[in-house]
């Protein structure tokens, strides 16, 4: 598993490297100051997996997910990418 953090937010709960097959890993997204969490996306399919900051993943094959963070805007509650 590979986790890359940025100033927009971070992901915890995952150790770098490989996992034993059929282990469940819980990922936790944490937003940076001035950002909101937008959801977890499967990079292979483009599918939105969850809008919850917590995501449980069964490691039964290669997984490629992204936690999306968006700039919080005061304009009518709109989100700016």
Protein backbone atom coordinates (compact mmCIF):
# COMPACT_ATOMS: atom_id res chain seq x y z
CA UNK A 1 0.00 0.00 0.00
CA UNK A 2 1.24 3.46 -0.83
CA UNK A 3 0.03 6.61 0.96
CA UNK A 4 0.95 10.12 -0.14
CA UNK A 5 -0.09 12.99 2.12
CA UNK A 6 -0.40 16.66 1.20
CA UNK A 7 -1.26 19.96 2.87
CA UNK A 8 -4.88 19.44 1.76
CA UNK A 9 -5.24 16.44 4.03
CA UNK A 10 -3.73 13.15 5.11
CA UNK A 11 -4.56 9.46 5.37
CA UNK A 12 -3.76 7.27 8.35
CA UNK A 13 -4.32 3.61 9.15
CA UNK A 14 -2.18 2.24 6.33
CA UNK A 15 1.36 1.04 6.60
CA UNK A 16 3.56 1.45 3.55
CA UNK A 17 4.31 -1.81 1.75
CA UNK A 18 2.54 -5.10 1.17
CA UNK A 19 -0.23 -6.75 3.16
CA UNK A 20 -1.19 -10.37 3.69
CA UNK A 21 -4.13 -11.27 1.47
CA UNK A 22 -7.63 -11.09 3.00
CA UNK A 23 -6.67 -8.59 5.72
CA UNK A 24 -9.02 -5.66 6.34
CA UNK A 25 -7.40 -2.24 6.59
CA UNK A 26 -9.27 0.83 7.81
CA UNK A 27 -8.15 4.09 6.23
CA UNK A 28 -8.91 7.41 7.92
CA UNK A 29 -8.86 10.71 6.01
CA UNK A 30 -8.07 13.90 7.91
CA UNK A 31 -8.58 17.30 6.34
CA UNK A 32 -6.03 20.09 6.45
CA UNK A 33 -6.96 23.58 7.59
CA UNK A 34 -9.39 25.23 5.15
CA UNK A 35 -10.25 21.97 3.35
CA UNK A 36 -13.17 19.52 3.43
CA UNK A 37 -13.21 15.82 2.62
CA UNK A 38 -14.86 14.94 -0.70
CA UNK A 39 -14.75 11.16 -0.70
CA UNK A 40 -12.82 8.02 -1.58
CA UNK A 41 -12.50 7.10 -5.26
CA UNK A 42 -11.39 3.82 -6.83
CA UNK A 43 -8.79 4.92 -9.37
CA UNK A 44 -9.27 1.75 -11.43
CA UNK A 45 -13.00 2.27 -12.04
CA UNK A 46 -13.55 5.95 -11.17
CA UNK A 47 -16.29 4.84 -8.78
CA UNK A 48 -17.02 6.92 -5.69
CA UNK A 49 -16.63 4.39 -2.86
CA UNK A 50 -17.65 6.48 0.13
CA UNK A 51 -18.07 10.04 1.38
CA UNK A 52 -17.23 8.94 4.93
CA UNK A 53 -13.77 9.90 6.18
CA UNK A 54 -13.28 6.28 7.29
CA UNK A 55 -12.99 3.48 4.71
CA UNK A 56 -12.53 -0.24 5.44
CA UNK A 57 -10.75 -2.10 2.65
CA UNK A 58 -10.47 -5.87 2.22
CA UNK A 59 -7.03 -6.47 0.76
CA UNK A 60 -7.87 -9.28 -1.66
CA UNK A 61 -6.17 -7.81 -4.73
CA UNK A 62 -4.31 -4.68 -5.84
CA UNK A 63 -6.19 -1.56 -4.67
CA UNK A 64 -5.70 2.00 -5.92
CA UNK A 65 -7.81 4.53 -4.04
CA UNK A 66 -7.61 8.30 -3.68
CA UNK A 67 -8.90 10.43 -0.82
CA UNK A 68 -10.15 13.70 -2.30
CA UNK A 69 -9.88 16.98 -0.39
CA UNK A 70 -11.42 20.23 -1.57
CA UNK A 71 -10.84 23.84 -0.62
CA UNK A 72 -13.59 25.10 1.65
CA UNK A 73 -15.27 28.20 0.25
CA UNK A 74 -17.40 30.64 2.15
CA UNK A 75 -19.44 31.43 -1.01
CA UNK A 76 -22.79 29.74 -0.33
CA UNK A 77 -21.03 26.64 1.00
CA UNK A 78 -19.65 25.77 -2.46
CA UNK A 79 -16.59 23.58 -2.75
CA UNK A 80 -13.69 24.64 -4.94
CA UNK A 81 -11.41 21.95 -6.33
